[in-house]
């Protein structure tokens, strides 16, 4: 899902084009953590309906 992670200056962002739901943002956060090796793809960090257990 995340081949390359890059940071972008806020000055380069011209306008807001949308907003992610909380569920979509959780999926993005989990994918980033997997990409960075913080947790494995088998871990379920964010459990539906409450707080996740977080990385081990």
N, C-alpha and C. Protein backbone atom coordinates (compact mmCIF):
# COMPACT_ATOMS: atom_id res chain seq x y z
N UNK A 1 0.82 -1.19 0.00
CA UNK A 1 0.00 0.00 0.00
C UNK A 1 0.87 1.26 0.00
N UNK A 2 1.88 1.28 0.82
CA UNK A 2 2.72 2.48 0.89
C UNK A 2 4.11 2.16 0.38
N UNK A 3 4.34 2.37 -0.88
CA UNK A 3 5.65 2.10 -1.48
C UNK A 3 6.69 3.10 -0.99
N UNK A 4 6.32 4.36 -0.96
CA UNK A 4 7.24 5.41 -0.54
C UNK A 4 6.50 6.39 0.37
N UNK A 5 7.17 6.79 1.43
CA UNK A 5 6.58 7.78 2.32
C UNK A 5 7.37 9.06 2.17
N UNK A 6 6.68 10.17 1.95
CA UNK A 6 7.33 11.46 1.78
C UNK A 6 6.63 12.49 2.65
N UNK A 7 7.39 13.45 3.09
CA UNK A 7 6.78 14.57 3.81
C UNK A 7 6.67 15.74 2.84
N UNK A 8 5.65 16.54 3.05
CA UNK A 8 5.40 17.69 2.18
C UNK A 8 5.14 18.90 3.06
N UNK A 9 5.76 20.00 2.72
CA UNK A 9 5.55 21.24 3.46
C UNK A 9 4.10 21.69 3.32
N UNK A 10 3.54 22.20 4.41
CA UNK A 10 2.17 22.72 4.35
C UNK A 10 2.05 23.86 3.35
N UNK A 11 3.14 24.57 3.12
CA UNK A 11 3.13 25.69 2.16
C UNK A 11 2.85 25.21 0.74
N UNK A 12 3.17 23.94 0.45
CA UNK A 12 2.94 23.40 -0.89
C UNK A 12 1.50 22.91 -1.09
N UNK A 13 0.75 22.84 -0.02
CA UNK A 13 -0.65 22.40 -0.11
C UNK A 13 -1.53 23.62 -0.30
N UNK A 14 -2.19 23.70 -1.44
CA UNK A 14 -2.94 24.89 -1.80
C UNK A 14 -4.35 24.90 -1.22
N UNK A 15 -5.06 23.82 -1.39
CA UNK A 15 -6.43 23.81 -0.90
C UNK A 15 -6.81 22.41 -0.42
N UNK A 16 -7.77 22.38 0.44
CA UNK A 16 -8.27 21.12 0.98
C UNK A 16 -9.23 20.52 -0.04
N UNK A 17 -9.03 19.24 -0.39
CA UNK A 17 -9.90 18.62 -1.39
C UNK A 17 -10.81 17.56 -0.80
N UNK A 18 -10.63 17.25 0.47
CA UNK A 18 -11.49 16.24 1.07
C UNK A 18 -11.10 15.98 2.51
N UNK A 19 -11.81 15.04 3.10
CA UNK A 19 -11.57 14.71 4.49
C UNK A 19 -11.75 13.20 4.65
N UNK A 20 -10.85 12.57 5.42
CA UNK A 20 -10.96 11.14 5.66
C UNK A 20 -11.83 10.88 6.88
N UNK A 21 -12.58 9.81 6.81
CA UNK A 21 -13.35 9.38 7.97
C UNK A 21 -12.38 8.84 9.03
N UNK A 22 -12.85 8.71 10.25
CA UNK A 22 -11.99 8.15 11.31
C UNK A 22 -11.53 6.74 10.95
N UNK A 23 -12.41 5.94 10.38
CA UNK A 23 -12.07 4.57 9.99
C UNK A 23 -10.99 4.56 8.91
N UNK A 24 -11.14 5.42 7.90
CA UNK A 24 -10.13 5.50 6.83
C UNK A 24 -8.79 5.97 7.40
N UNK A 25 -8.81 6.93 8.32
CA UNK A 25 -7.57 7.42 8.93
C UNK A 25 -6.89 6.34 9.74
N UNK A 26 -7.67 5.51 10.44
CA UNK A 26 -7.09 4.39 11.18
C UNK A 26 -6.37 3.43 10.24
N UNK A 27 -6.98 3.18 9.08
CA UNK A 27 -6.35 2.28 8.10
C UNK A 27 -5.06 2.87 7.56
N UNK A 28 -5.05 4.18 7.32
CA UNK A 28 -3.83 4.86 6.85
C UNK A 28 -2.74 4.76 7.92
N UNK A 29 -3.09 5.05 9.17
CA UNK A 29 -2.12 4.98 10.26
C UNK A 29 -1.52 3.58 10.39
N UNK A 30 -2.37 2.57 10.30
CA UNK A 30 -1.89 1.19 10.41
C UNK A 30 -0.97 0.85 9.24
N UNK A 31 -1.33 1.26 8.03
CA UNK A 31 -0.49 0.99 6.86
C UNK A 31 0.88 1.66 6.99
N UNK A 32 0.91 2.87 7.52
CA UNK A 32 2.18 3.58 7.72
C UNK A 32 3.03 2.82 8.74
N UNK A 33 2.42 2.37 9.84
CA UNK A 33 3.18 1.64 10.85
C UNK A 33 3.74 0.33 10.29
N UNK A 34 2.97 -0.36 9.47
CA UNK A 34 3.45 -1.59 8.84
C UNK A 34 4.61 -1.26 7.90
N UNK A 35 4.46 -0.20 7.10
CA UNK A 35 5.50 0.20 6.17
C UNK A 35 6.80 0.56 6.88
N UNK A 36 6.70 1.19 8.04
CA UNK A 36 7.88 1.59 8.80
C UNK A 36 8.45 0.44 9.64
N UNK A 37 7.76 -0.68 9.67
CA UNK A 37 8.23 -1.83 10.43
C UNK A 37 7.93 -1.75 11.92
N UNK A 38 7.02 -0.86 12.31
CA UNK A 38 6.65 -0.72 13.71
C UNK A 38 5.82 -1.92 14.15
N UNK A 39 5.05 -2.49 13.24
CA UNK A 39 4.28 -3.69 13.53
C UNK A 39 4.13 -4.50 12.26
N UNK A 40 3.78 -5.76 12.42
CA UNK A 40 3.63 -6.63 11.26
C UNK A 40 2.24 -6.47 10.66
N UNK A 41 2.10 -6.89 9.43
CA UNK A 41 0.81 -6.76 8.75
C UNK A 41 -0.25 -7.66 9.37
N UNK A 42 0.15 -8.63 10.20
CA UNK A 42 -0.80 -9.53 10.86
C UNK A 42 -1.41 -8.91 12.11
N UNK A 43 -0.74 -7.89 12.67
CA UNK A 43 -1.25 -7.24 13.88
C UNK A 43 -2.48 -6.42 13.55
N UNK A 44 -3.45 -6.45 14.45
CA UNK A 44 -4.65 -5.63 14.31
C UNK A 44 -4.56 -4.53 15.35
N UNK A 45 -4.01 -3.40 14.97
CA UNK A 45 -3.75 -2.32 15.92
C UNK A 45 -5.01 -1.63 16.35
N UNK A 46 -5.87 -1.32 15.41
CA UNK A 46 -7.06 -0.55 15.70
C UNK A 46 -8.27 -1.47 15.66
N UNK A 47 -8.79 -1.77 16.83
CA UNK A 47 -9.95 -2.63 16.90
C UNK A 47 -11.21 -1.80 16.72
N UNK A 48 -12.13 -2.31 15.94
CA UNK A 48 -13.37 -1.59 15.67
C UNK A 48 -14.17 -1.40 16.95
N UNK A 49 -14.63 -0.16 17.14
CA UNK A 49 -15.49 0.12 18.26
C UNK A 49 -14.79 0.51 19.55
N UNK A 50 -13.52 0.85 19.48
CA UNK A 50 -12.84 1.26 20.71
C UNK A 50 -11.38 1.52 20.50
N UNK A 51 -10.67 1.67 21.58
CA UNK A 51 -9.24 1.94 21.51
C UNK A 51 -8.51 0.70 21.05
N UNK A 52 -7.50 0.89 20.23
CA UNK A 52 -6.66 -0.22 19.81
C UNK A 52 -5.67 -0.56 20.89
N UNK A 53 -5.04 -1.70 20.72
CA UNK A 53 -4.07 -2.11 21.73
C UNK A 53 -2.70 -1.52 21.45
N UNK A 54 -2.51 -0.93 20.30
CA UNK A 54 -1.23 -0.27 19.97
C UNK A 54 -0.16 -1.25 19.61
N UNK A 55 0.97 -0.78 19.13
CA UNK A 55 2.08 -1.64 18.75
C UNK A 55 2.69 -2.33 19.97
N UNK A 56 3.23 -3.50 19.73
CA UNK A 56 3.87 -4.26 20.82
C UNK A 56 5.23 -3.69 21.14
